[in-house]
Amino acid sequence: MSLGWKQSFRNFEIYLRLEKSLSGNSIEAYLDDVQKLERYFSEIGSDLTPAKVTYSDLKNFLLWYSADNHNTRTQSRTLSGIRAFYRFLLIEGEIEENPATLIESPKTGLKLPEVLSVMEIDRLIGEIDLSKPEGHRNKAIIETLYGCGLRVSELVNLRLTDIHYGEGFVIVTGKGNKQRLVPVSGKALKEIDIYKKDRDRLPVIHDQNVLFLNRRGSRLSRAMIFTIIKELAAKAGIIKNISPHTFRHSFATHMIEAGADLRAVQEMLGHESILTTEIYTHIDRSFLRDTLIMFHPRS
C-alpha cells in the first residue's frame, strides 16, 4: 500500500534534514512546493496518493498552477521541489518510474541580479547615523556583506571566533553547514573592531559568541538586516530594488570586472557549481559592451 501525502511529507522532510543537510529555510521551501501539488488534487477532488501520480497528472497540475502564477521563475522553483520529491520517492522504492523526469521547466531567460556601484554603496554607508547605538554595528554589517560576499543567513550566524584577524579570513558556514574560508578586507575588520566596543557595552548578551546582536543582546534576524538596508537605501535616494543579497551580487560583479579568477570567486561565494558563478561573467560582458558604446569612436 502506497503512503499518503502526510507520511510522504514527513519522510521527505527527514531525508532533506538528515541526508541532504539542508537549512530550515530550504526544507520549508521544498515542502511548500510539494504541498501545492497536494492542494491541486484536493481541489479537483482526487484521492491520488503521491506514488499514483503520473506524468499526465503533473502536466495538468502545471497548467492549473500557471493560471494564477504567471511568473516563470516561481513555476520553475515549484517544479524543482516536485522533481526533488519524486527523486526521493524513487530512491525509497515507493515508485518504479519518476513521473517528473520528462516535465520541462518554463523558459525563464537570463535575469541579471541588481548591482550597486561603489559610489552607491558609499552613499548608502554615508547615511548611517554613527551617533546612534546601532550606527557602528550597521556600518560593520554593510562592510562585511560587501567585503565578503556573504549570504544574509551566513552574516547573522557569524561568530566572534570565526574572525581571524592575523590571517585576514573569516570562517563562513554556508548551505548544508559547509564551511569555507573567505578573505575579509581591512576596512571590514576595522569596522567590526569599532562595533565590538559598542557590543561589549550592551546591558545583557544572550548569544555570547554571535557577532551581530540587537539591542536586547540576541542574534539579529534576517528580516532585521533587510529592514536596515531598505531604510538606508531610501535615505540615500537609491531607487533600485535592493536587499542584503544585492551586496553579494555587487561583491562578485566588482571582483570579476576587476579581473578576478572565476574559480576564486566561486570559492569565496561558496557556489557548488561554477555555472552559478558564471552569471557574473554575463554582467561583466554587458559592462564591457557599455564601455565600448561609450568610448569607441565607431560607436
C-alpha atoms as a PDB file:
ATOM      1  CA  MET A   1       0.000   0.000   0.000  1.00  0.00           C
ATOM      2  CA  SER A   2       1.437   3.380  -1.042  1.00  0.00           C
ATOM      3  CA  LEU A   3       1.970   6.098   1.554  1.00  0.00           C
ATOM      4  CA  GLY A   4      -0.355   9.081   1.865  1.00  0.00           C
ATOM      5  CA  TRP A   5       0.722  12.697   1.445  1.00  0.00           C
ATOM      6  CA  LYS A   6       1.316  13.470   5.144  1.00  0.00           C
ATOM      7  CA  GLN A   7       3.582  10.487   5.755  1.00  0.00           C
ATOM      8  CA  SER A   8       5.411  11.122   2.484  1.00  0.00           C
ATOM      9  CA  PHE A   9       5.972  14.763   3.516  1.00  0.00           C
ATOM     10  CA  ARG A  10       7.300  13.627   6.891  1.00  0.00           C
ATOM     11  CA  ASN A  11       9.724  11.147   5.294  1.00  0.00           C
ATOM     12  CA  PHE A  12      10.824  13.723   2.705  1.00  0.00           C
ATOM     13  CA  GLU A  13      11.499  16.284   5.446  1.00  0.00           C
ATOM     14  CA  ILE A  14      13.654  13.799   7.393  1.00  0.00           C
ATOM     15  CA  TYR A  15      15.572  12.973   4.201  1.00  0.00           C
ATOM     16  CA  LEU A  16      16.237  16.673   3.440  1.00  0.00           C
ATOM     17  CA  ARG A  17      17.283  17.396   7.017  1.00  0.00           C
ATOM     18  CA  LEU A  18      19.449  14.361   7.800  1.00  0.00           C
ATOM     19  CA  GLU A  19      20.746  13.104   4.462  1.00  0.00           C
ATOM     20  CA  LYS A  20      20.912  16.330   2.431  1.00  0.00           C
ATOM     21  CA  SER A  21      21.741  18.555   5.455  1.00  0.00           C
ATOM     22  CA  LEU A  22      19.630  21.404   4.088  1.00  0.00           C
ATOM     23  CA  SER A  23      18.822  24.518   6.107  1.00  0.00           C
ATOM     24  CA  GLY A  24      15.401  25.025   7.686  1.00  0.00           C
ATOM     25  CA  ASN A  25      14.521  27.655   5.048  1.00  0.00           C
ATOM     26  CA  SER A  26      15.371  25.316   2.152  1.00  0.00           C
ATOM     27  CA  ILE A  27      13.406  22.432   3.689  1.00  0.00           C
ATOM     28  CA  GLU A  28      10.394  24.694   4.164  1.00  0.00           C
ATOM     29  CA  ALA A  29      10.601  25.796   0.502  1.00  0.00           C
ATOM     30  CA  TYR A  30      10.759  22.200  -0.778  1.00  0.00           C
ATOM     31  CA  LEU A  31       7.820  21.099   1.357  1.00  0.00           C
ATOM     32  CA  ASP A  32       5.778  24.122   0.276  1.00  0.00           C
ATOM     33  CA  ASP A  33       6.373  23.187  -3.389  1.00  0.00           C
ATOM     34  CA  VAL A  34       5.043  19.658  -2.889  1.00  0.00           C
ATOM     35  CA  GLN A  35       2.120  20.835  -0.758  1.00  0.00           C
ATOM     36  CA  LYS A  36       0.943  22.885  -3.760  1.00  0.00           C
ATOM     37  CA  LEU A  37       0.638  19.606  -5.659  1.00  0.00           C
ATOM     38  CA  GLU A  38      -1.411  18.063  -2.844  1.00  0.00           C
ATOM     39  CA  ARG A  39      -3.673  21.147  -2.787  1.00  0.00           C
ATOM     40  CA  TYR A  40      -4.289  20.743  -6.515  1.00  0.00           C
ATOM     41  CA  PHE A  41      -5.509  17.152  -6.110  1.00  0.00           C
ATOM     42  CA  SER A  42      -7.645  18.207  -3.153  1.00  0.00           C
ATOM     43  CA  GLU A  43      -9.276  20.997  -5.207  1.00  0.00           C
ATOM     44  CA  ILE A  44     -10.135  18.724  -8.132  1.00  0.00           C
ATOM     45  CA  GLY A  45     -11.499  16.082  -5.747  1.00  0.00           C
ATOM     46  CA  SER A  46      -8.850  13.442  -6.480  1.00  0.00           C
ATOM     47  CA  ASP A  47      -7.707  10.928  -3.849  1.00  0.00           C
ATOM     48  CA  LEU A  48      -4.443  10.045  -5.649  1.00  0.00           C
ATOM     49  CA  THR A  49      -1.532   9.202  -3.350  1.00  0.00           C
ATOM     50  CA  PRO A  50       1.962  10.514  -4.296  1.00  0.00           C
ATOM     51  CA  ALA A  51       3.009   7.147  -5.758  1.00  0.00           C
ATOM     52  CA  LYS A  52      -0.009   7.031  -8.090  1.00  0.00           C
ATOM     53  CA  VAL A  53       0.663  10.427  -9.724  1.00  0.00           C
ATOM     54  CA  THR A  54       1.505  10.188 -13.431  1.00  0.00           C
ATOM     55  CA  TYR A  55       3.286  12.416 -15.960  1.00  0.00           C
ATOM     56  CA  SER A  56      -0.129  13.480 -17.266  1.00  0.00           C
ATOM     57  CA  ASP A  57      -1.274  14.457 -13.742  1.00  0.00           C
ATOM     58  CA  LEU A  58       1.797  16.648 -13.312  1.00  0.00           C
ATOM     59  CA  LYS A  59       1.225  18.340 -16.676  1.00  0.00           C
ATOM     60  CA  ASN A  60      -2.362  19.139 -15.630  1.00  0.00           C
ATOM     61  CA  PHE A  61      -1.108  20.452 -12.274  1.00  0.00           C
ATOM     62  CA  LEU A  62       1.305  22.849 -14.020  1.00  0.00           C
ATOM     63  CA  LEU A  63      -1.494  24.170 -16.243  1.00  0.00           C
ATOM     64  CA  TRP A  64      -3.643  24.732 -13.130  1.00  0.00           C
ATOM     65  CA  TYR A  65      -0.782  26.337 -11.186  1.00  0.00           C
ATOM     66  CA  SER A  66       0.423  28.620 -14.004  1.00  0.00           C
ATOM     67  CA  ALA A  67      -3.090  30.046 -14.463  1.00  0.00           C
ATOM     68  CA  ASP A  68      -2.667  32.018 -11.214  1.00  0.00           C
ATOM     69  CA  ASN A  69       1.138  32.197 -11.157  1.00  0.00           C
ATOM     70  CA  HIS A  70       2.431  33.785 -14.342  1.00  0.00           C
ATOM     71  CA  ASN A  71       5.981  34.266 -13.049  1.00  0.00           C
ATOM     72  CA  THR A  72       8.065  31.609 -14.808  1.00  0.00           C
ATOM     73  CA  ARG A  73      10.704  31.702 -12.076  1.00  0.00           C
ATOM     74  CA  THR A  74       8.093  30.820  -9.452  1.00  0.00           C
ATOM     75  CA  GLN A  75       6.850  27.987 -11.673  1.00  0.00           C
ATOM     76  CA  SER A  76      10.423  26.687 -12.118  1.00  0.00           C
ATOM     77  CA  ARG A  77      11.050  26.871  -8.376  1.00  0.00           C
ATOM     78  CA  THR A  78       7.910  24.829  -7.660  1.00  0.00           C
ATOM     79  CA  LEU A  79       8.741  22.263 -10.334  1.00  0.00           C
ATOM     80  CA  SER A  80      12.250  21.902  -8.894  1.00  0.00           C
ATOM     81  CA  GLY A  81      10.786  20.984  -5.486  1.00  0.00           C
ATOM     82  CA  ILE A  82       8.381  18.461  -7.007  1.00  0.00           C
ATOM     83  CA  ARG A  83      11.217  16.862  -9.002  1.00  0.00           C
ATOM     84  CA  ALA A  84      13.261  16.509  -5.800  1.00  0.00           C
ATOM     85  CA  PHE A  85      10.267  14.905  -4.053  1.00  0.00           C
ATOM     86  CA  TYR A  86       9.821  12.285  -6.775  1.00  0.00           C
ATOM     87  CA  ARG A  87      13.568  11.567  -6.918  1.00  0.00           C
ATOM     88  CA  PHE A  88      13.287  10.849  -3.190  1.00  0.00           C
ATOM     89  CA  LEU A  89      10.300   8.501  -3.687  1.00  0.00           C
ATOM     90  CA  LEU A  90      12.294   6.660  -6.371  1.00  0.00           C
ATOM     91  CA  ILE A  91      15.271   6.260  -4.010  1.00  0.00           C
ATOM     92  CA  GLU A  92      12.931   4.975  -1.290  1.00  0.00           C
ATOM     93  CA  GLY A  93      11.384   2.416  -3.646  1.00  0.00           C
ATOM     94  CA  GLU A  94       7.929   3.996  -3.333  1.00  0.00           C
ATOM     95  CA  ILE A  95       7.747   4.349  -7.133  1.00  0.00           C
ATOM     96  CA  GLU A  96       9.337   2.450 -10.005  1.00  0.00           C
ATOM     97  CA  GLU A  97       9.318   5.317 -12.506  1.00  0.00           C
ATOM     98  CA  ASN A  98       9.723   9.048 -11.885  1.00  0.00           C
ATOM     99  CA  PRO A  99       6.734  10.899 -13.449  1.00  0.00           C
ATOM    100  CA  ALA A 100       8.541  14.268 -13.191  1.00  0.00           C
ATOM    101  CA  THR A 101      11.542  13.280 -15.340  1.00  0.00           C
ATOM    102  CA  LEU A 102      10.102  14.463 -18.674  1.00  0.00           C
ATOM    103  CA  ILE A 103       8.412  17.621 -17.367  1.00  0.00           C
ATOM    104  CA  GLU A 104      10.106  20.652 -18.930  1.00  0.00           C
ATOM    105  CA  SER A 105      10.781  23.825 -16.983  1.00  0.00           C
ATOM    106  CA  PRO A 106       9.207  27.024 -18.312  1.00  0.00           C
ATOM    107  CA  LYS A 107      11.655  29.253 -20.195  1.00  0.00           C
ATOM    108  CA  THR A 108      12.809  31.923 -17.758  1.00  0.00           C
ATOM    109  CA  GLY A 109      15.542  33.660 -19.731  1.00  0.00           C
ATOM    110  CA  LEU A 110      18.602  35.214 -18.165  1.00  0.00           C
ATOM    111  CA  LYS A 111      17.850  37.614 -15.323  1.00  0.00           C
ATOM    112  CA  LEU A 112      20.858  39.577 -14.191  1.00  0.00           C
ATOM    113  CA  PRO A 113      20.813  40.437 -10.484  1.00  0.00           C
ATOM    114  CA  GLU A 114      20.619  44.049  -9.293  1.00  0.00           C
ATOM    115  CA  VAL A 115      24.065  45.511  -8.600  1.00  0.00           C
ATOM    116  CA  LEU A 116      25.158  48.649  -6.750  1.00  0.00           C
ATOM    117  CA  SER A 117      28.090  50.768  -7.884  1.00  0.00           C
ATOM    118  CA  VAL A 118      30.891  51.514  -5.417  1.00  0.00           C
ATOM    119  CA  MET A 119      29.613  55.108  -5.300  1.00  0.00           C
ATOM    120  CA  GLU A 120      26.103  53.941  -4.399  1.00  0.00           C
ATOM    121  CA  ILE A 121      27.456  51.690  -1.638  1.00  0.00           C
ATOM    122  CA  ASP A 122      29.444  54.632  -0.255  1.00  0.00           C
ATOM    123  CA  ARG A 123      26.327  56.827  -0.415  1.00  0.00           C
ATOM    124  CA  LEU A 124      24.326  54.211   1.478  1.00  0.00           C
ATOM    125  CA  ILE A 125      27.008  53.856   4.156  1.00  0.00           C
ATOM    126  CA  GLY A 126      27.164  57.663   4.398  1.00  0.00           C
ATOM    127  CA  GLU A 127      23.534  57.692   5.569  1.00  0.00           C
ATOM    128  CA  ILE A 128      24.337  55.656   8.708  1.00  0.00           C
ATOM    129  CA  ASP A 129      23.984  57.774  11.847  1.00  0.00           C
ATOM    130  CA  LEU A 130      27.089  56.843  13.838  1.00  0.00           C
ATOM    131  CA  SER A 131      25.847  58.804  16.862  1.00  0.00           C
ATOM    132  CA  LYS A 132      23.153  56.164  17.431  1.00  0.00           C
ATOM    133  CA  PRO A 133      23.961  52.983  19.432  1.00  0.00           C
ATOM    134  CA  GLU A 134      23.388  50.759  16.380  1.00  0.00           C
ATOM    135  CA  GLY A 135      25.333  53.023  13.996  1.00  0.00           C
ATOM    136  CA  HIS A 136      28.718  51.293  14.061  1.00  0.00           C
ATOM    137  CA  ARG A 137      27.010  47.879  14.046  1.00  0.00           C
ATOM    138  CA  ASN A 138      25.096  48.737  10.866  1.00  0.00           C
ATOM    139  CA  LYS A 139      28.250  50.071   9.198  1.00  0.00           C
ATOM    140  CA  ALA A 140      30.105  46.868  10.091  1.00  0.00           C
ATOM    141  CA  ILE A 141      27.200  44.818   8.687  1.00  0.00           C
ATOM    142  CA  ILE A 142      27.295  46.596   5.301  1.00  0.00           C
ATOM    143  CA  GLU A 143      31.092  46.418   5.068  1.00  0.00           C
ATOM    144  CA  THR A 144      31.033  42.690   5.918  1.00  0.00           C
ATOM    145  CA  LEU A 145      28.252  41.886   3.435  1.00  0.00           C
ATOM    146  CA  TYR A 146      30.013  43.745   0.632  1.00  0.00           C
ATOM    147  CA  GLY A 147      33.574  42.929   1.704  1.00  0.00           C
ATOM    148  CA  CYS A 148      32.999  39.146   1.908  1.00  0.00           C
ATOM    149  CA  GLY A 149      30.040  38.490  -0.416  1.00  0.00           C
ATOM    150  CA  LEU A 150      28.061  36.720   2.308  1.00  0.00           C
ATOM    151  CA  ARG A 151      24.503  35.437   2.213  1.00  0.00           C
ATOM    152  CA  VAL A 152      22.293  37.081   4.853  1.00  0.00           C
ATOM    153  CA  SER A 153      21.956  33.759   6.735  1.00  0.00           C
ATOM    154  CA  GLU A 154      25.766  33.487   6.828  1.00  0.00           C
ATOM    155  CA  LEU A 155      26.066  37.041   8.165  1.00  0.00           C
ATOM    156  CA  VAL A 156      23.610  36.639  11.066  1.00  0.00           C
ATOM    157  CA  ASN A 157      25.328  33.390  12.112  1.00  0.00           C
ATOM    158  CA  LEU A 158      28.868  34.815  12.140  1.00  0.00           C
ATOM    159  CA  ARG A 159      30.594  34.218  15.466  1.00  0.00           C
ATOM    160  CA  LEU A 160      33.378  36.148  17.172  1.00  0.00           C
ATOM    161  CA  THR A 161      35.572  33.050  16.961  1.00  0.00           C
ATOM    162  CA  ASP A 162      35.028  32.897  13.157  1.00  0.00           C
ATOM    163  CA  ILE A 163      37.101  36.059  12.642  1.00  0.00           C
ATOM    164  CA  HIS A 164      40.832  35.552  12.207  1.00  0.00           C
ATOM    165  CA  TYR A 165      42.425  38.996  12.242  1.00  0.00           C
ATOM    166  CA  GLY A 166      46.032  37.897  11.752  1.00  0.00           C
ATOM    167  CA  GLU A 167      45.301  35.861   8.629  1.00  0.00           C
ATOM    168  CA  GLY A 168      42.609  38.249   7.308  1.00  0.00           C
ATOM    169  CA  PHE A 169      39.982  35.491   6.936  1.00  0.00           C
ATOM    170  CA  VAL A 170      36.538  34.667   8.299  1.00  0.00           C
ATOM    171  CA  ILE A 171      35.148  31.142   8.616  1.00  0.00           C
ATOM    172  CA  VAL A 172      31.724  31.127   6.984  1.00  0.00           C
ATOM    173  CA  THR A 173      29.127  28.394   7.498  1.00  0.00           C
ATOM    174  CA  GLY A 174      27.115  28.183   4.277  1.00  0.00           C
ATOM    175  CA  LYS A 175      24.406  25.968   2.804  1.00  0.00           C
ATOM    176  CA  GLY A 176      24.344  22.417   4.113  1.00  0.00           C
ATOM    177  CA  ASN A 177      26.508  23.513   7.073  1.00  0.00           C
ATOM    178  CA  LYS A 178      29.551  23.552   4.768  1.00  0.00           C
ATOM    179  CA  GLN A 179      32.341  25.784   5.988  1.00  0.00           C
ATOM    180  CA  ARG A 180      34.653  27.879   3.832  1.00  0.00           C
ATOM    181  CA  LEU A 181      37.422  30.418   4.425  1.00  0.00           C
ATOM    182  CA  VAL A 182      36.682  33.853   2.961  1.00  0.00           C
ATOM    183  CA  PRO A 183      39.182  36.734   2.846  1.00  0.00           C
ATOM    184  CA  VAL A 184      37.940  39.814   4.692  1.00  0.00           C
ATOM    185  CA  SER A 185      39.034  43.359   3.874  1.00  0.00           C
ATOM    186  CA  GLY A 186      40.929  45.518   6.326  1.00  0.00           C
ATOM    187  CA  LYS A 187      38.065  48.042   6.106  1.00  0.00           C
ATOM    188  CA  ALA A 188      35.516  45.458   7.269  1.00  0.00           C
ATOM    189  CA  LEU A 189      37.807  44.251  10.085  1.00  0.00           C
ATOM    190  CA  LYS A 190      38.291  47.849  11.254  1.00  0.00           C
ATOM    191  CA  GLU A 191      34.526  48.468  11.375  1.00  0.00           C
ATOM    192  CA  ILE A 192      33.940  45.164  13.215  1.00  0.00           C
ATOM    193  CA  ASP A 193      36.534  46.188  15.800  1.00  0.00           C
ATOM    194  CA  ILE A 194      34.853  49.571  16.365  1.00  0.00           C
ATOM    195  CA  TYR A 195      31.433  47.903  16.651  1.00  0.00           C
ATOM    196  CA  LYS A 196      32.703  45.321  19.165  1.00  0.00           C
ATOM    197  CA  LYS A 197      33.344  48.136  21.663  1.00  0.00           C
ATOM    198  CA  ASP A 198      29.629  49.070  21.456  1.00  0.00           C
ATOM    199  CA  ARG A 199      28.677  45.386  21.572  1.00  0.00           C
ATOM    200  CA  ASP A 200      30.568  44.911  24.827  1.00  0.00           C
ATOM    201  CA  ARG A 201      28.565  47.756  26.394  1.00  0.00           C
ATOM    202  CA  LEU A 202      25.191  46.042  25.877  1.00  0.00           C
ATOM    203  CA  PRO A 203      23.394  45.548  29.247  1.00  0.00           C
ATOM    204  CA  VAL A 204      22.772  41.852  28.555  1.00  0.00           C
ATOM    205  CA  ILE A 205      24.289  39.499  25.961  1.00  0.00           C
ATOM    206  CA  HIS A 206      22.307  36.300  25.408  1.00  0.00           C
ATOM    207  CA  ASP A 207      24.308  34.978  22.437  1.00  0.00           C
ATOM    208  CA  GLN A 208      27.860  35.377  23.715  1.00  0.00           C
ATOM    209  CA  ASN A 209      29.694  34.175  20.596  1.00  0.00           C
ATOM    210  CA  VAL A 210      27.373  35.692  17.937  1.00  0.00           C
ATOM    211  CA  LEU A 211      28.925  38.764  16.303  1.00  0.00           C
ATOM    212  CA  PHE A 212      25.948  40.927  15.301  1.00  0.00           C
ATOM    213  CA  LEU A 213      23.397  41.465  18.069  1.00  0.00           C
ATOM    214  CA  ASN A 214      20.246  43.539  18.544  1.00  0.00           C
ATOM    215  CA  ARG A 215      19.894  45.945  21.463  1.00  0.00           C
ATOM    216  CA  ARG A 216      18.472  43.113  23.610  1.00  0.00           C
ATOM    217  CA  GLY A 217      21.702  41.160  23.197  1.00  0.00           C
ATOM    218  CA  SER A 218      20.268  38.496  20.889  1.00  0.00           C
ATOM    219  CA  ARG A 219      21.174  37.398  17.376  1.00  0.00           C
ATOM    220  CA  LEU A 220      19.833  39.698  14.651  1.00  0.00           C
ATOM    221  CA  SER A 221      17.115  38.226  12.454  1.00  0.00           C
ATOM    222  CA  ARG A 222      17.366  38.041   8.668  1.00  0.00           C
ATOM    223  CA  ALA A 223      14.307  40.310   8.479  1.00  0.00           C
ATOM    224  CA  MET A 224      16.080  42.965  10.546  1.00  0.00           C
ATOM    225  CA  ILE A 225      19.014  43.037   8.101  1.00  0.00           C
ATOM    226  CA  PHE A 226      16.504  43.580   5.252  1.00  0.00           C
ATOM    227  CA  THR A 227      14.905  46.457   7.201  1.00  0.00           C
ATOM    228  CA  ILE A 228      18.247  48.150   7.923  1.00  0.00           C
ATOM    229  CA  ILE A 229      19.261  48.047   4.247  1.00  0.00           C
ATOM    230  CA  LYS A 230      15.867  49.159   2.884  1.00  0.00           C
ATOM    231  CA  GLU A 231      15.828  52.183   5.234  1.00  0.00           C
ATOM    232  CA  LEU A 232      19.395  53.203   4.334  1.00  0.00           C
ATOM    233  CA  ALA A 233      18.680  52.845   0.602  1.00  0.00           C
ATOM    234  CA  ALA A 234      15.619  55.098   0.938  1.00  0.00           C
ATOM    235  CA  LYS A 235      17.658  57.736   2.794  1.00  0.00           C
ATOM    236  CA  ALA A 236      20.396  57.565   0.157  1.00  0.00           C
ATOM    237  CA  GLY A 237      17.828  58.016  -2.638  1.00  0.00           C
ATOM    238  CA  ILE A 238      18.714  54.671  -4.237  1.00  0.00           C
ATOM    239  CA  ILE A 239      15.645  53.566  -6.212  1.00  0.00           C
ATOM    240  CA  LYS A 240      16.936  50.105  -7.158  1.00  0.00           C
ATOM    241  CA  ASN A 241      15.157  47.151  -5.569  1.00  0.00           C
ATOM    242  CA  ILE A 242      17.915  46.084  -3.196  1.00  0.00           C
ATOM    243  CA  SER A 243      18.266  43.545  -0.401  1.00  0.00           C
ATOM    244  CA  PRO A 244      21.173  42.026   1.592  1.00  0.00           C
ATOM    245  CA  HIS A 245      21.789  39.758  -1.422  1.00  0.00           C
ATOM    246  CA  THR A 246      22.493  42.842  -3.566  1.00  0.00           C
ATOM    247  CA  PHE A 247      25.796  43.309  -1.732  1.00  0.00           C
ATOM    248  CA  ARG A 248      26.745  39.703  -2.547  1.00  0.00           C
ATOM    249  CA  HIS A 249      25.956  40.332  -6.233  1.00  0.00           C
ATOM    250  CA  SER A 250      27.902  43.606  -6.126  1.00  0.00           C
ATOM    251  CA  PHE A 251      30.898  41.890  -4.482  1.00  0.00           C
ATOM    252  CA  ALA A 252      31.027  39.228  -7.228  1.00  0.00           C
ATOM    253  CA  THR A 253      30.442  41.663 -10.092  1.00  0.00           C
ATOM    254  CA  HIS A 254      33.095  44.134  -8.954  1.00  0.00           C
ATOM    255  CA  MET A 255      35.604  41.308  -8.431  1.00  0.00           C
ATOM    256  CA  ILE A 256      35.091  39.897 -11.934  1.00  0.00           C
ATOM    257  CA  GLU A 257      35.057  43.336 -13.572  1.00  0.00           C
ATOM    258  CA  ALA A 258      38.434  43.943 -11.935  1.00  0.00           C
ATOM    259  CA  GLY A 259      39.794  40.703 -13.468  1.00  0.00           C
ATOM    260  CA  ALA A 260      39.430  38.210 -10.599  1.00  0.00           C
ATOM    261  CA  ASP A 261      39.620  34.497 -11.493  1.00  0.00           C
ATOM    262  CA  LEU A 262      36.163  32.907 -11.803  1.00  0.00           C
ATOM    263  CA  ARG A 263      37.199  29.859  -9.746  1.00  0.00           C
ATOM    264  CA  ALA A 264      38.425  32.096  -6.928  1.00  0.00           C
ATOM    265  CA  VAL A 265      35.113  33.994  -6.903  1.00  0.00           C
ATOM    266  CA  GLN A 266      33.231  30.663  -6.910  1.00  0.00           C
ATOM    267  CA  GLU A 267      35.218  29.570  -3.849  1.00  0.00           C
ATOM    268  CA  MET A 268      34.593  32.833  -1.995  1.00  0.00           C
ATOM    269  CA  LEU A 269      30.850  32.767  -2.732  1.00  0.00           C
ATOM    270  CA  GLY A 270      30.560  29.093  -1.770  1.00  0.00           C
ATOM    271  CA  HIS A 271      28.871  28.072  -5.035  1.00  0.00           C
ATOM    272  CA  GLU A 272      28.626  24.311  -5.579  1.00  0.00           C
ATOM    273  CA  SER A 273      28.848  24.742  -9.358  1.00  0.00           C
ATOM    274  CA  ILE A 274      30.854  27.246 -11.359  1.00  0.00           C
ATOM    275  CA  LEU A 275      27.788  27.562 -13.623  1.00  0.00           C
ATOM    276  CA  THR A 276      26.124  29.549 -10.827  1.00  0.00           C
ATOM    277  CA  THR A 277      29.096  31.912 -10.673  1.00  0.00           C
ATOM    278  CA  GLU A 278      29.139  32.337 -14.436  1.00  0.00           C
ATOM    279  CA  ILE A 279      26.079  34.615 -14.339  1.00  0.00           C
ATOM    280  CA  TYR A 280      28.511  37.323 -13.232  1.00  0.00           C
ATOM    281  CA  THR A 281      30.505  36.952 -16.432  1.00  0.00           C
ATOM    282  CA  HIS A 282      27.327  37.989 -18.276  1.00  0.00           C
ATOM    283  CA  ILE A 283      27.214  41.118 -16.137  1.00  0.00           C
ATOM    284  CA  ASP A 284      30.873  41.670 -16.918  1.00  0.00           C
ATOM    285  CA  ARG A 285      30.243  41.301 -20.642  1.00  0.00           C
ATOM    286  CA  SER A 286      27.410  43.829 -20.529  1.00  0.00           C
ATOM    287  CA  PHE A 287      29.762  46.183 -18.651  1.00  0.00           C
ATOM    288  CA  LEU A 288      32.369  45.737 -21.405  1.00  0.00           C
ATOM    289  CA  ARG A 289      29.753  46.324 -24.103  1.00  0.00           C
ATOM    290  CA  ASP A 290      28.587  49.542 -22.412  1.00  0.00           C
ATOM    291  CA  THR A 291      32.217  50.652 -22.191  1.00  0.00           C
ATOM    292  CA  LEU A 292      32.662  50.068 -25.928  1.00  0.00           C
ATOM    293  CA  ILE A 293      29.479  52.005 -26.775  1.00  0.00           C
ATOM    294  CA  MET A 294      30.547  54.883 -24.554  1.00  0.00           C
ATOM    295  CA  PHE A 295      34.138  55.239 -25.674  1.00  0.00           C
ATOM    296  CA  HIS A 296      34.769  53.617 -29.066  1.00  0.00           C
ATOM    297  CA  PRO A 297      34.976  56.217 -31.885  1.00  0.00           C
ATOM    298  CA  ARG A 298      32.899  53.985 -34.229  1.00  0.00           C
ATOM    299  CA  SER A 299      30.025  53.643 -31.725  1.00  0.00           C
END
